[in-house]
Amino acid sequence: GKAVRTAEFSGVVLGQALTNGTLAVETAQNYFPAGSGKGTI
C-alpha cells in the first residue's frame, strides 16, 4: 500500500495505463490528441 510514485500535472489528464514496469499518462491541449490537441504521453 506504500506510494511508489506520484506525479503532478497541469491541465486535464486524458488517461493513464500501467505496464508491469511503467506508468504512462496522456495529456493534450484540446479535446483530442490529434491535430491541435498536440497529444503527449
ModelCIF file with pLDDT and N, C-alpha, C, O atoms, coordinates in Angstrom:
data_MODEL
#
_entry.id   MODEL 
#
_entity.id                         1 
_entity.type                       polymer 
_entity.pdbx_number_of_molecules   1 
#
_entity_poly.entity_id                      1 
_entity_poly.type                           'polypeptide(L)' 
_entity_poly.nstd_linkage                   no 
_entity_poly.nstd_monomer                   no 
_entity_poly.pdbx_seq_one_letter_code       GKAVRTAEFSGVVLGQALTNGTLAVETAQNYFPAGSGKGTI 
_entity_poly.pdbx_seq_one_letter_code_can   GKAVRTAEFSGVVLGQALTNGTLAVETAQNYFPAGSGKGTI 
_entity_poly.pdbx_strand_id                 A 
#
loop_
_entity_poly_seq.entity_id 
_entity_poly_seq.num 
_entity_poly_seq.mon_id 
_entity_poly_seq.hetero 
1 1  GLY n 
1 2  LYS n 
1 3  ALA n 
1 4  VAL n 
1 5  ARG n 
1 6  THR n 
1 7  ALA n 
1 8  GLU n 
1 9  PHE n 
1 10 SER n 
1 11 GLY n 
1 12 VAL n 
1 13 VAL n 
1 14 LEU n 
1 15 GLY n 
1 16 GLN n 
1 17 ALA n 
1 18 LEU n 
1 19 THR n 
1 20 ASN n 
1 21 GLY n 
1 22 THR n 
1 23 LEU n 
1 24 ALA n 
1 25 VAL n 
1 26 GLU n 
1 27 THR n 
1 28 ALA n 
1 29 GLN n 
1 30 ASN n 
1 31 TYR n 
1 32 PHE n 
1 33 PRO n 
1 34 ALA n 
1 35 GLY n 
1 36 SER n 
1 37 GLY n 
1 38 LYS n 
1 39 GLY n 
1 40 THR n 
1 41 ILE n 
#
_struct_asym.id          A 
_struct_asym.entity_id   1 
#
loop_
_ma_qa_metric.id 
_ma_qa_metric.mode 
_ma_qa_metric.name 
_ma_qa_metric.software_group_id 
_ma_qa_metric.type 
1 global pLDDT . pLDDT 
2 local  pLDDT . pLDDT 
#
_ma_qa_metric_global.metric_id      1 
_ma_qa_metric_global.metric_value   89.15 
_ma_qa_metric_global.model_id       1 
_ma_qa_metric_global.ordinal_id     1 
#
loop_
_ma_qa_metric_local.label_asym_id 
_ma_qa_metric_local.label_comp_id 
_ma_qa_metric_local.label_seq_id 
_ma_qa_metric_local.metric_id 
_ma_qa_metric_local.metric_value 
_ma_qa_metric_local.model_id 
_ma_qa_metric_local.ordinal_id 
A GLY 1  2 97.00 1 1  
A LYS 2  2 97.00 1 2  
A ALA 3  2 97.00 1 3  
A VAL 4  2 96.00 1 4  
A ARG 5  2 96.00 1 5  
A THR 6  2 95.00 1 6  
A ALA 7  2 94.00 1 7  
A GLU 8  2 92.00 1 8  
A PHE 9  2 85.00 1 9  
A SER 10 2 77.00 1 10 
A GLY 11 2 70.00 1 11 
A VAL 12 2 72.00 1 12 
A VAL 13 2 82.00 1 13 
A LEU 14 2 90.00 1 14 
A GLY 15 2 92.00 1 15 
A GLN 16 2 96.00 1 16 
A ALA 17 2 97.00 1 17 
A LEU 18 2 98.00 1 18 
A THR 19 2 97.00 1 19 
A ASN 20 2 97.00 1 20 
A GLY 21 2 97.00 1 21 
A THR 22 2 97.00 1 22 
A LEU 23 2 98.00 1 23 
A ALA 24 2 97.00 1 24 
A VAL 25 2 96.00 1 25 
A GLU 26 2 94.00 1 26 
A THR 27 2 86.00 1 27 
A ALA 28 2 80.00 1 28 
A GLN 29 2 77.00 1 29 
A ASN 30 2 75.00 1 30 
A TYR 31 2 75.00 1 31 
A PHE 32 2 81.00 1 32 
A PRO 33 2 87.00 1 33 
A ALA 34 2 88.00 1 34 
A GLY 35 2 89.00 1 35 
A SER 36 2 83.00 1 36 
A GLY 37 2 78.00 1 37 
A LYS 38 2 84.00 1 38 
A GLY 39 2 88.00 1 39 
A THR 40 2 92.00 1 40 
A ILE 41 2 96.00 1 41 
#
loop_
_atom_site.group_PDB 
_atom_site.id 
_atom_site.type_symbol 
_atom_site.label_atom_id 
_atom_site.label_alt_id 
_atom_site.label_comp_id 
_atom_site.label_asym_id 
_atom_site.label_entity_id 
_atom_site.label_seq_id 
_atom_site.pdbx_PDB_ins_code 
_atom_site.Cartn_x 
_atom_site.Cartn_y 
_atom_site.Cartn_z 
_atom_site.occupancy 
_atom_site.B_iso_or_equiv 
_atom_site.pdbx_formal_charge 
_atom_site.auth_seq_id 
_atom_site.auth_comp_id 
_atom_site.auth_asym_id 
_atom_site.auth_atom_id 
_atom_site.pdbx_PDB_model_num 
ATOM 1   N N  . GLY A 1 1  ? 0.794   -1.217 0.000   1.00 97.00 ? 1  GLY A N  1 
ATOM 2   C CA . GLY A 1 1  ? 0.000   0.000  0.000   1.00 97.00 ? 1  GLY A CA 1 
ATOM 3   C C  . GLY A 1 1  ? 0.828   1.270  0.000   1.00 97.00 ? 1  GLY A C  1 
ATOM 4   O O  . GLY A 1 1  ? 0.273   2.369  0.003   1.00 97.00 ? 1  GLY A O  1 
ATOM 5   N N  . LYS A 1 2  ? 2.161   1.137  -0.003  1.00 97.00 ? 2  LYS A N  1 
ATOM 6   C CA . LYS A 1 2  ? 3.015   2.321  0.005   1.00 97.00 ? 2  LYS A CA 1 
ATOM 7   C C  . LYS A 1 2  ? 3.052   2.984  -1.366  1.00 97.00 ? 2  LYS A C  1 
ATOM 8   O O  . LYS A 1 2  ? 2.936   2.321  -2.397  1.00 97.00 ? 2  LYS A O  1 
ATOM 9   N N  . ALA A 1 3  ? 3.215   4.303  -1.359  1.00 97.00 ? 3  ALA A N  1 
ATOM 10  C CA . ALA A 1 3  ? 3.302   5.055  -2.608  1.00 97.00 ? 3  ALA A CA 1 
ATOM 11  C C  . ALA A 1 3  ? 4.644   4.784  -3.279  1.00 97.00 ? 3  ALA A C  1 
ATOM 12  O O  . ALA A 1 3  ? 5.695   5.000  -2.676  1.00 97.00 ? 3  ALA A O  1 
ATOM 13  N N  . VAL A 1 4  ? 4.611   4.319  -4.509  1.00 96.00 ? 4  VAL A N  1 
ATOM 14  C CA . VAL A 1 4  ? 5.810   4.056  -5.292  1.00 96.00 ? 4  VAL A CA 1 
ATOM 15  C C  . VAL A 1 4  ? 6.201   5.284  -6.100  1.00 96.00 ? 4  VAL A C  1 
ATOM 16  O O  . VAL A 1 4  ? 7.383   5.593  -6.253  1.00 96.00 ? 4  VAL A O  1 
ATOM 17  N N  . ARG A 1 5  ? 5.196   5.975  -6.613  1.00 96.00 ? 5  ARG A N  1 
ATOM 18  C CA . ARG A 1 5  ? 5.437   7.114  -7.490  1.00 96.00 ? 5  ARG A CA 1 
ATOM 19  C C  . ARG A 1 5  ? 4.260   8.077  -7.367  1.00 96.00 ? 5  ARG A C  1 
ATOM 20  O O  . ARG A 1 5  ? 3.112   7.641  -7.280  1.00 96.00 ? 5  ARG A O  1 
ATOM 21  N N  . THR A 1 6  ? 4.531   9.367  -7.358  1.00 95.00 ? 6  THR A N  1 
ATOM 22  C CA . THR A 1 6  ? 3.476   10.358 -7.505  1.00 95.00 ? 6  THR A CA 1 
ATOM 23  C C  . THR A 1 6  ? 3.913   11.356 -8.560  1.00 95.00 ? 6  THR A C  1 
ATOM 24  O O  . THR A 1 6  ? 5.099   11.666 -8.678  1.00 95.00 ? 6  THR A O  1 
ATOM 25  N N  . ALA A 1 7  ? 2.963   11.855 -9.320  1.00 94.00 ? 7  ALA A N  1 
ATOM 26  C CA . ALA A 1 7  ? 3.267   12.833 -10.361 1.00 94.00 ? 7  ALA A CA 1 
ATOM 27  C C  . ALA A 1 7  ? 2.181   13.884 -10.388 1.00 94.00 ? 7  ALA A C  1 
ATOM 28  O O  . ALA A 1 7  ? 1.006   13.571 -10.199 1.00 94.00 ? 7  ALA A O  1 
ATOM 29  N N  . GLU A 1 8  ? 2.556   15.113 -10.619 1.00 92.00 ? 8  GLU A N  1 
ATOM 30  C CA . GLU A 1 8  ? 1.597   16.210 -10.713 1.00 92.00 ? 8  GLU A CA 1 
ATOM 31  C C  . GLU A 1 8  ? 1.558   16.748 -12.138 1.00 92.00 ? 8  GLU A C  1 
ATOM 32  O O  . GLU A 1 8  ? 2.594   16.919 -12.779 1.00 92.00 ? 8  GLU A O  1 
ATOM 33  N N  . PHE A 1 9  ? 0.350   17.010 -12.620 1.00 85.00 ? 9  PHE A N  1 
ATOM 34  C CA . PHE A 1 9  ? 0.156   17.501 -13.982 1.00 85.00 ? 9  PHE A CA 1 
ATOM 35  C C  . PHE A 1 9  ? -0.628  18.801 -13.954 1.00 85.00 ? 9  PHE A C  1 
ATOM 36  O O  . PHE A 1 9  ? -1.551  18.966 -13.156 1.00 85.00 ? 9  PHE A O  1 
ATOM 37  N N  . SER A 1 10 ? -0.254  19.720 -14.828 1.00 77.00 ? 10 SER A N  1 
ATOM 38  C CA . SER A 1 10 ? -1.056  20.914 -15.061 1.00 77.00 ? 10 SER A CA 1 
ATOM 39  C C  . SER A 1 10 ? -1.943  20.649 -16.264 1.00 77.00 ? 10 SER A C  1 
ATOM 40  O O  . SER A 1 10 ? -1.477  20.120 -17.273 1.00 77.00 ? 10 SER A O  1 
ATOM 41  N N  . GLY A 1 11 ? -3.208  21.009 -16.170 1.00 70.00 ? 11 GLY A N  1 
ATOM 42  C CA . GLY A 1 11 ? -4.160  20.729 -17.233 1.00 70.00 ? 11 GLY A CA 1 
ATOM 43  C C  . GLY A 1 11 ? -5.024  19.546 -16.852 1.00 70.00 ? 11 GLY A C  1 
ATOM 44  O O  . GLY A 1 11 ? -5.128  19.202 -15.675 1.00 70.00 ? 11 GLY A O  1 
ATOM 45  N N  . VAL A 1 12 ? -5.643  18.926 -17.836 1.00 72.00 ? 12 VAL A N  1 
ATOM 46  C CA . VAL A 1 12 ? -6.540  17.800 -17.585 1.00 72.00 ? 12 VAL A CA 1 
ATOM 47  C C  . VAL A 1 12 ? -5.945  16.535 -18.188 1.00 72.00 ? 12 VAL A C  1 
ATOM 48  O O  . VAL A 1 12 ? -5.564  16.512 -19.358 1.00 72.00 ? 12 VAL A O  1 
ATOM 49  N N  . VAL A 1 13 ? -5.871  15.509 -17.398 1.00 82.00 ? 13 VAL A N  1 
ATOM 50  C CA . VAL A 1 13 ? -5.314  14.230 -17.842 1.00 82.00 ? 13 VAL A CA 1 
ATOM 51  C C  . VAL A 1 13 ? -6.342  13.502 -18.711 1.00 82.00 ? 13 VAL A C  1 
ATOM 52  O O  . VAL A 1 13 ? -7.507  13.378 -18.334 1.00 82.00 ? 13 VAL A O  1 
ATOM 53  N N  . LEU A 1 14 ? -5.903  13.025 -19.872 1.00 90.00 ? 14 LEU A N  1 
ATOM 54  C CA . LEU A 1 14 ? -6.794  12.280 -20.767 1.00 90.00 ? 14 LEU A CA 1 
ATOM 55  C C  . LEU A 1 14 ? -6.953  10.826 -20.340 1.00 90.00 ? 14 LEU A C  1 
ATOM 56  O O  . LEU A 1 14 ? -8.028  10.250 -20.511 1.00 90.00 ? 14 LEU A O  1 
ATOM 57  N N  . GLY A 1 15 ? -5.916  10.230 -19.794 1.00 92.00 ? 15 GLY A N  1 
ATOM 58  C CA . GLY A 1 15 ? -5.993  8.832  -19.390 1.00 92.00 ? 15 GLY A CA 1 
ATOM 59  C C  . GLY A 1 15 ? -4.649  8.349  -18.902 1.00 92.00 ? 15 GLY A C  1 
ATOM 60  O O  . GLY A 1 15 ? -3.640  9.040  -19.046 1.00 92.00 ? 15 GLY A O  1 
ATOM 61  N N  . GLN A 1 16 ? -4.632  7.165  -18.326 1.00 96.00 ? 16 GLN A N  1 
ATOM 62  C CA . GLN A 1 16 ? -3.405  6.565  -17.815 1.00 96.00 ? 16 GLN A CA 1 
ATOM 63  C C  . GLN A 1 16 ? -3.434  5.074  -18.083 1.00 96.00 ? 16 GLN A C  1 
ATOM 64  O O  . GLN A 1 16 ? -4.494  4.498  -18.325 1.00 96.00 ? 16 GLN A O  1 
ATOM 65  N N  . ALA A 1 17 ? -2.266  4.450  -18.037 1.00 97.00 ? 17 ALA A N  1 
ATOM 66  C CA . ALA A 1 17 ? -2.171  2.995  -18.186 1.00 97.00 ? 17 ALA A CA 1 
ATOM 67  C C  . ALA A 1 17 ? -0.919  2.515  -17.466 1.00 97.00 ? 17 ALA A C  1 
ATOM 68  O O  . ALA A 1 17 ? 0.037   3.269  -17.281 1.00 97.00 ? 17 ALA A O  1 
ATOM 69  N N  . LEU A 1 18 ? -0.941  1.252  -17.065 1.00 98.00 ? 18 LEU A N  1 
ATOM 70  C CA . LEU A 1 18 ? 0.202   0.632  -16.399 1.00 98.00 ? 18 LEU A CA 1 
ATOM 71  C C  . LEU A 1 18 ? 0.682   -0.577 -17.190 1.00 98.00 ? 18 LEU A C  1 
ATOM 72  O O  . LEU A 1 18 ? -0.106  -1.466 -17.512 1.00 98.00 ? 18 LEU A O  1 
ATOM 73  N N  . THR A 1 19 ? 1.981   -0.612 -17.505 1.00 97.00 ? 19 THR A N  1 
ATOM 74  C CA . THR A 1 19 ? 2.621   -1.864 -17.872 1.00 97.00 ? 19 THR A CA 1 
ATOM 75  C C  . THR A 1 19 ? 3.129   -2.464 -16.566 1.00 97.00 ? 19 THR A C  1 
ATOM 76  O O  . THR A 1 19 ? 2.843   -1.928 -15.495 1.00 97.00 ? 19 THR A O  1 
ATOM 77  N N  . ASN A 1 20 ? 3.870   -3.554 -16.630 1.00 97.00 ? 20 ASN A N  1 
ATOM 78  C CA . ASN A 1 20 ? 4.404   -4.118 -15.390 1.00 97.00 ? 20 ASN A CA 1 
ATOM 79  C C  . ASN A 1 20 ? 5.478   -3.247 -14.756 1.00 97.00 ? 20 ASN A C  1 
ATOM 80  O O  . ASN A 1 20 ? 5.749   -3.365 -13.561 1.00 97.00 ? 20 ASN A O  1 
ATOM 81  N N  . GLY A 1 21 ? 6.096   -2.366 -15.557 1.00 97.00 ? 21 GLY A N  1 
ATOM 82  C CA . GLY A 1 21 ? 7.175   -1.559 -15.000 1.00 97.00 ? 21 GLY A CA 1 
ATOM 83  C C  . GLY A 1 21 ? 7.069   -0.071 -15.241 1.00 97.00 ? 21 GLY A C  1 
ATOM 84  O O  . GLY A 1 21 ? 7.998   0.671  -14.924 1.00 97.00 ? 21 GLY A O  1 
ATOM 85  N N  . THR A 1 22 ? 5.945   0.388  -15.801 1.00 97.00 ? 22 THR A N  1 
ATOM 86  C CA . THR A 1 22 ? 5.854   1.788  -16.205 1.00 97.00 ? 22 THR A CA 1 
ATOM 87  C C  . THR A 1 22 ? 4.452   2.343  -16.000 1.00 97.00 ? 22 THR A C  1 
ATOM 88  O O  . THR A 1 22 ? 3.458   1.665  -16.262 1.00 97.00 ? 22 THR A O  1 
ATOM 89  N N  . LEU A 1 23 ? 4.385   3.575  -15.533 1.00 98.00 ? 23 LEU A N  1 
ATOM 90  C CA . LEU A 1 23 ? 3.156   4.363  -15.551 1.00 98.00 ? 23 LEU A CA 1 
ATOM 91  C C  . LEU A 1 23 ? 3.201   5.259  -16.779 1.00 98.00 ? 23 LEU A C  1 
ATOM 92  O O  . LEU A 1 23 ? 4.201   5.935  -17.014 1.00 98.00 ? 23 LEU A O  1 
ATOM 93  N N  . ALA A 1 24 ? 2.126   5.271  -17.567 1.00 97.00 ? 24 ALA A N  1 
ATOM 94  C CA . ALA A 1 24 ? 2.022   6.147  -18.734 1.00 97.00 ? 24 ALA A CA 1 
ATOM 95  C C  . ALA A 1 24 ? 0.803   7.044  -18.567 1.00 97.00 ? 24 ALA A C  1 
ATOM 96  O O  . ALA A 1 24 ? -0.271  6.580  -18.181 1.00 97.00 ? 24 ALA A O  1 
ATOM 97  N N  . VAL A 1 25 ? 0.974   8.329  -18.858 1.00 96.00 ? 25 VAL A N  1 
ATOM 98  C CA . VAL A 1 25 ? -0.106  9.305  -18.705 1.00 96.00 ? 25 VAL A CA 1 
ATOM 99  C C  . VAL A 1 25 ? -0.209  10.112 -19.995 1.00 96.00 ? 25 VAL A C  1 
ATOM 100 O O  . VAL A 1 25 ? 0.792   10.625 -20.495 1.00 96.00 ? 25 VAL A O  1 
ATOM 101 N N  . GLU A 1 26 ? -1.428  10.223 -20.531 1.00 94.00 ? 26 GLU A N  1 
ATOM 102 C CA . GLU A 1 26 ? -1.628  11.001 -21.750 1.00 94.00 ? 26 GLU A CA 1 
ATOM 103 C C  . GLU A 1 26 ? -2.296  12.335 -21.444 1.00 94.00 ? 26 GLU A C  1 
ATOM 104 O O  . GLU A 1 26 ? -3.268  12.399 -20.690 1.00 94.00 ? 26 GLU A O  1 
ATOM 105 N N  . THR A 1 27 ? -1.760  13.405 -22.043 1.00 86.00 ? 27 THR A N  1 
ATOM 106 C CA . THR A 1 27 ? -2.337  14.732 -21.933 1.00 86.00 ? 27 THR A CA 1 
ATOM 107 C C  . THR A 1 27 ? -2.434  15.335 -23.326 1.00 86.00 ? 27 THR A C  1 
ATOM 108 O O  . THR A 1 27 ? -1.834  14.829 -24.274 1.00 86.00 ? 27 THR A O  1 
ATOM 109 N N  . ALA A 1 28 ? -3.197  16.422 -23.445 1.00 80.00 ? 28 ALA A N  1 
ATOM 110 C CA . ALA A 1 28 ? -3.318  17.095 -24.732 1.00 80.00 ? 28 ALA A CA 1 
ATOM 111 C C  . ALA A 1 28 ? -3.678  18.544 -24.498 1.00 80.00 ? 28 ALA A C  1 
ATOM 112 O O  . ALA A 1 28 ? -3.927  18.955 -23.364 1.00 80.00 ? 28 ALA A O  1 
ATOM 113 N N  . GLN A 1 29 ? -3.707  19.319 -25.569 1.00 77.00 ? 29 GLN A N  1 
ATOM 114 C CA . GLN A 1 29 ? -4.052  20.727 -25.478 1.00 77.00 ? 29 GLN A CA 1 
ATOM 115 C C  . GLN A 1 29 ? -5.425  21.008 -26.069 1.00 77.00 ? 29 GLN A C  1 
ATOM 116 O O  . GLN A 1 29 ? -5.777  22.165 -26.304 1.00 77.00 ? 29 GLN A O  1 
ATOM 117 N N  . ASN A 1 30 ? -6.202  19.957 -26.312 1.00 75.00 ? 30 ASN A N  1 
ATOM 118 C CA . ASN A 1 30 ? -7.539  20.115 -26.845 1.00 75.00 ? 30 ASN A CA 1 
ATOM 119 C C  . ASN A 1 30 ? -8.365  18.911 -26.422 1.00 75.00 ? 30 ASN A C  1 
ATOM 120 O O  . ASN A 1 30 ? -7.950  18.149 -25.549 1.00 75.00 ? 30 ASN A O  1 
ATOM 121 N N  . TYR A 1 31 ? -9.544  18.731 -27.040 1.00 75.00 ? 31 TYR A N  1 
ATOM 122 C CA . TYR A 1 31 ? -10.411 17.628 -26.670 1.00 75.00 ? 31 TYR A CA 1 
ATOM 123 C C  . TYR A 1 31 ? -9.951  16.294 -27.233 1.00 75.00 ? 31 TYR A C  1 
ATOM 124 O O  . TYR A 1 31 ? -10.603 15.274 -27.009 1.00 75.00 ? 31 TYR A O  1 
ATOM 125 N N  . PHE A 1 32 ? -8.866  16.282 -27.941 1.00 81.00 ? 32 PHE A N  1 
ATOM 126 C CA . PHE A 1 32 ? -8.391  15.083 -28.629 1.00 81.00 ? 32 PHE A CA 1 
ATOM 127 C C  . PHE A 1 32 ? -6.880  15.199 -28.795 1.00 81.00 ? 32 PHE A C  1 
ATOM 128 O O  . PHE A 1 32 ? -6.341  16.306 -28.765 1.00 81.00 ? 32 PHE A O  1 
ATOM 129 N N  . PRO A 1 33 ? -6.197  14.085 -28.967 1.00 87.00 ? 33 PRO A N  1 
ATOM 130 C CA . PRO A 1 33 ? -4.737  14.141 -29.086 1.00 87.00 ? 33 PRO A CA 1 
ATOM 131 C C  . PRO A 1 33 ? -4.230  14.548 -30.461 1.00 87.00 ? 33 PRO A C  1 
ATOM 132 O O  . PRO A 1 33 ? -3.102  15.026 -30.580 1.00 87.00 ? 33 PRO A O  1 
ATOM 133 N N  . ALA A 1 34 ? -5.040  14.370 -31.506 1.00 88.00 ? 34 ALA A N  1 
ATOM 134 C CA . ALA A 1 34 ? -4.580  14.663 -32.861 1.00 88.00 ? 34 ALA A CA 1 
ATOM 135 C C  . ALA A 1 34 ? -4.663  16.156 -33.169 1.00 88.00 ? 34 ALA A C  1 
ATOM 136 O O  . ALA A 1 34 ? -5.352  16.901 -32.472 1.00 88.00 ? 34 ALA A O  1 
ATOM 137 N N  . GLY A 1 35 ? -3.961  16.588 -34.211 1.00 89.00 ? 35 GLY A N  1 
ATOM 138 C CA . GLY A 1 35 ? -4.038  17.966 -34.684 1.00 89.00 ? 35 GLY A CA 1 
ATOM 139 C C  . GLY A 1 35 ? -3.709  18.976 -33.611 1.00 89.00 ? 35 GLY A C  1 
ATOM 140 O O  . GLY A 1 35 ? -2.644  18.926 -32.995 1.00 89.00 ? 35 GLY A O  1 
ATOM 141 N N  . SER A 1 36 ? -4.637  19.896 -33.392 1.00 83.00 ? 36 SER A N  1 
ATOM 142 C CA . SER A 1 36 ? -4.407  20.951 -32.404 1.00 83.00 ? 36 SER A CA 1 
ATOM 143 C C  . SER A 1 36 ? -4.343  20.418 -30.979 1.00 83.00 ? 36 SER A C  1 
ATOM 144 O O  . SER A 1 36 ? -3.939  21.131 -30.061 1.00 83.00 ? 36 SER A O  1 
ATOM 145 N N  . GLY A 1 37 ? -4.745  19.153 -30.795 1.00 78.00 ? 37 GLY A N  1 
ATOM 146 C CA . GLY A 1 37 ? -4.651  18.558 -29.464 1.00 78.00 ? 37 GLY A CA 1 
ATOM 147 C C  . GLY A 1 37 ? -3.226  18.394 -28.990 1.00 78.00 ? 37 GLY A C  1 
ATOM 148 O O  . GLY A 1 37 ? -2.941  18.481 -27.795 1.00 78.00 ? 37 GLY A O  1 
ATOM 149 N N  . LYS A 1 38 ? -2.313  18.152 -29.952 1.00 84.00 ? 38 LYS A N  1 
ATOM 150 C CA . LYS A 1 38 ? -0.896  18.005 -29.624 1.00 84.00 ? 38 LYS A CA 1 
ATOM 151 C C  . LYS A 1 38 ? -0.707  17.044 -28.447 1.00 84.00 ? 38 LYS A C  1 
ATOM 152 O O  . LYS A 1 38 ? -0.132  17.400 -27.418 1.00 84.00 ? 38 LYS A O  1 
ATOM 153 N N  . GLY A 1 39 ? -1.199  15.830 -28.625 1.00 88.00 ? 39 GLY A N  1 
ATOM 154 C CA . GLY A 1 39 ? -1.131  14.853 -27.546 1.00 88.00 ? 39 GLY A CA 1 
ATOM 155 C C  . GLY A 1 39 ? 0.284   14.518 -27.128 1.00 88.00 ? 39 GLY A C  1 
ATOM 156 O O  . GLY A 1 39 ? 1.209   14.522 -27.941 1.00 88.00 ? 39 GLY A O  1 
ATOM 157 N N  . THR A 1 40 ? 0.437   14.231 -25.857 1.00 92.00 ? 40 THR A N  1 
ATOM 158 C CA . THR A 1 40 ? 1.727   13.844 -25.286 1.00 92.00 ? 40 THR A CA 1 
ATOM 159 C C  . THR A 1 40 ? 1.520   12.685 -24.327 1.00 92.00 ? 40 THR A C  1 
ATOM 160 O O  . THR A 1 40 ? 0.585   12.699 -23.526 1.00 92.00 ? 40 THR A O  1 
ATOM 161 N N  . ILE A 1 41 ? 2.381   11.687 -24.405 1.00 96.00 ? 41 ILE A N  1 
ATOM 162 C CA . ILE A 1 41 ? 2.385   10.603 -23.428 1.00 96.00 ? 41 ILE A CA 1 
ATOM 163 C C  . ILE A 1 41 ? 3.683   10.693 -22.635 1.00 96.00 ? 41 ILE A C  1 
ATOM 164 O O  . ILE A 1 41 ? 3.920   9.878  -21.743 1.00 96.00 ? 41 ILE A O  1 
#
